[in-house]
Amino acid sequence: MANYVYVLGSLGPSSPRTYVGWTNDLERRVGQHNDGSGAKSTRGRRWQLLYAELHPTRSEAMRREWYLKRDRAFRKRLLSHAP
């Protein structure tokens, strides 16, 4: 089964934000974030997919998610290149 780590970006009303997560169904998960049924911290914003990685196992995806959540410089660079 495919496991994805993803970074979402939002240029919402107050300030730009990123969100990092993992899933095994990327399209469904991004849709959940945008329709308000995703993570509580993503509600009320319009999100776009900035980055995704494919991992063969859930544990590898979760490990990478942990790393990307702490890499603020990487997430900031992604936001600066968002359309």
C-alpha atoms as a PDB file:
ATOM      1  CA  MET A   1       0.000   0.000   0.000  1.00  0.00           C
ATOM      2  CA  ALA A   2       1.215   3.497  -0.839  1.00  0.00           C
ATOM      3  CA  ASN A   3       1.883   5.873   2.029  1.00  0.00           C
ATOM      4  CA  TYR A   4       2.320   9.568   1.395  1.00  0.00           C
ATOM      5  CA  VAL A   5       3.824  12.384   3.404  1.00  0.00           C
ATOM      6  CA  TYR A   6       2.471  15.731   2.265  1.00  0.00           C
ATOM      7  CA  VAL A   7       2.809  19.438   2.904  1.00  0.00           C
ATOM      8  CA  LEU A   8      -0.180  21.722   2.427  1.00  0.00           C
ATOM      9  CA  GLY A   9       0.015  25.490   2.153  1.00  0.00           C
ATOM     10  CA  SER A  10      -2.555  28.193   2.763  1.00  0.00           C
ATOM     11  CA  LEU A  11      -2.184  31.905   2.131  1.00  0.00           C
ATOM     12  CA  GLY A  12      -5.171  32.638   4.380  1.00  0.00           C
ATOM     13  CA  PRO A  13      -6.430  35.960   5.707  1.00  0.00           C
ATOM     14  CA  SER A  14      -3.975  36.450   8.569  1.00  0.00           C
ATOM     15  CA  SER A  15      -0.723  34.754   7.625  1.00  0.00           C
ATOM     16  CA  PRO A  16       0.656  31.992   5.407  1.00  0.00           C
ATOM     17  CA  ARG A  17       0.579  28.550   7.012  1.00  0.00           C
ATOM     18  CA  THR A  18       1.735  25.046   6.279  1.00  0.00           C
ATOM     19  CA  TYR A  19       0.457  21.695   7.459  1.00  0.00           C
ATOM     20  CA  VAL A  20       2.361  18.395   7.328  1.00  0.00           C
ATOM     21  CA  GLY A  21       0.627  15.025   7.441  1.00  0.00           C
ATOM     22  CA  TRP A  22       0.672  11.475   6.145  1.00  0.00           C
ATOM     23  CA  THR A  23      -1.999   9.344   4.475  1.00  0.00           C
ATOM     24  CA  ASN A  24      -2.524   6.348   2.239  1.00  0.00           C
ATOM     25  CA  ASP A  25      -5.030   8.238   0.021  1.00  0.00           C
ATOM     26  CA  LEU A  26      -3.647  11.644  -0.889  1.00  0.00           C
ATOM     27  CA  GLU A  27      -6.588  12.996  -2.924  1.00  0.00           C
ATOM     28  CA  ARG A  28      -9.143  12.034  -0.276  1.00  0.00           C
ATOM     29  CA  ARG A  29      -7.067  13.554   2.512  1.00  0.00           C
ATOM     30  CA  VAL A  30      -6.513  16.914   0.797  1.00  0.00           C
ATOM     31  CA  GLY A  31     -10.254  17.004   0.109  1.00  0.00           C
ATOM     32  CA  GLN A  32     -10.978  16.389   3.784  1.00  0.00           C
ATOM     33  CA  HIS A  33      -8.768  19.301   4.788  1.00  0.00           C
ATOM     34  CA  ASN A  34     -10.562  21.606   2.347  1.00  0.00           C
ATOM     35  CA  ASP A  35     -14.102  20.547   3.268  1.00  0.00           C
ATOM     36  CA  GLY A  36     -13.512  21.044   6.995  1.00  0.00           C
ATOM     37  CA  SER A  37     -13.381  17.395   8.059  1.00  0.00           C
ATOM     38  CA  GLY A  38      -9.571  17.177   8.221  1.00  0.00           C
ATOM     39  CA  ALA A  39      -7.405  18.092  11.171  1.00  0.00           C
ATOM     40  CA  LYS A  40      -8.842  20.729  13.490  1.00  0.00           C
ATOM     41  CA  SER A  41      -5.938  23.090  12.808  1.00  0.00           C
ATOM     42  CA  THR A  42      -6.724  23.142   9.062  1.00  0.00           C
ATOM     43  CA  ARG A  43     -10.386  24.138   9.282  1.00  0.00           C
ATOM     44  CA  GLY A  44     -11.532  27.433   7.801  1.00  0.00           C
ATOM     45  CA  ARG A  45      -8.735  27.747   5.256  1.00  0.00           C
ATOM     46  CA  ARG A  46      -8.286  26.789   1.626  1.00  0.00           C
ATOM     47  CA  TRP A  47      -5.319  24.439   1.252  1.00  0.00           C
ATOM     48  CA  GLN A  48      -3.245  23.483  -1.735  1.00  0.00           C
ATOM     49  CA  LEU A  49      -0.812  20.612  -2.023  1.00  0.00           C
ATOM     50  CA  LEU A  50       2.751  21.968  -2.057  1.00  0.00           C
ATOM     51  CA  TYR A  51       4.746  18.762  -1.754  1.00  0.00           C
ATOM     52  CA  ALA A  52       4.278  14.991  -1.476  1.00  0.00           C
ATOM     53  CA  GLU A  53       6.560  11.980  -1.054  1.00  0.00           C
ATOM     54  CA  LEU A  54       5.719   8.310  -1.532  1.00  0.00           C
ATOM     55  CA  HIS A  55       6.941   5.786   1.059  1.00  0.00           C
ATOM     56  CA  PRO A  56       6.639   1.995   1.000  1.00  0.00           C
ATOM     57  CA  THR A  57       5.633   1.598   4.659  1.00  0.00           C
ATOM     58  CA  ARG A  58       3.505   3.462   7.158  1.00  0.00           C
ATOM     59  CA  SER A  59       6.360   3.691   9.652  1.00  0.00           C
ATOM     60  CA  GLU A  60       8.673   5.308   7.087  1.00  0.00           C
ATOM     61  CA  ALA A  61       5.988   7.844   6.185  1.00  0.00           C
ATOM     62  CA  MET A  62       5.355   8.656   9.835  1.00  0.00           C
ATOM     63  CA  ARG A  63       9.082   9.039  10.496  1.00  0.00           C
ATOM     64  CA  ARG A  64       9.433  11.434   7.561  1.00  0.00           C
ATOM     65  CA  GLU A  65       6.351  13.382   8.693  1.00  0.00           C
ATOM     66  CA  TRP A  66       7.960  13.875  12.100  1.00  0.00           C
ATOM     67  CA  TYR A  67      11.100  15.219  10.424  1.00  0.00           C
ATOM     68  CA  LEU A  68       9.270  17.599   8.051  1.00  0.00           C
ATOM     69  CA  LYS A  69       7.162  19.020  10.880  1.00  0.00           C
ATOM     70  CA  ARG A  70      10.390  20.222  12.468  1.00  0.00           C
ATOM     71  CA  ASP A  71      11.972  21.537   9.256  1.00  0.00           C
ATOM     72  CA  ARG A  72      10.506  25.041   9.177  1.00  0.00           C
ATOM     73  CA  ALA A  73      13.037  26.327   6.655  1.00  0.00           C
ATOM     74  CA  PHE A  74      11.926  23.715   4.110  1.00  0.00           C
ATOM     75  CA  ARG A  75       8.242  24.539   4.640  1.00  0.00           C
ATOM     76  CA  LYS A  76       8.954  28.252   4.326  1.00  0.00           C
ATOM     77  CA  ARG A  77      10.746  27.680   0.992  1.00  0.00           C
ATOM     78  CA  LEU A  78       7.744  25.698  -0.251  1.00  0.00           C
ATOM     79  CA  LEU A  79       5.406  28.576   0.639  1.00  0.00           C
ATOM     80  CA  SER A  80       7.608  31.090  -1.140  1.00  0.00           C
ATOM     81  CA  HIS A  81       7.286  29.090  -4.381  1.00  0.00           C
ATOM     82  CA  ALA A  82       3.502  28.560  -4.109  1.00  0.00           C
ATOM     83  CA  PRO A  83       1.466  30.061  -6.944  1.00  0.00           C
END
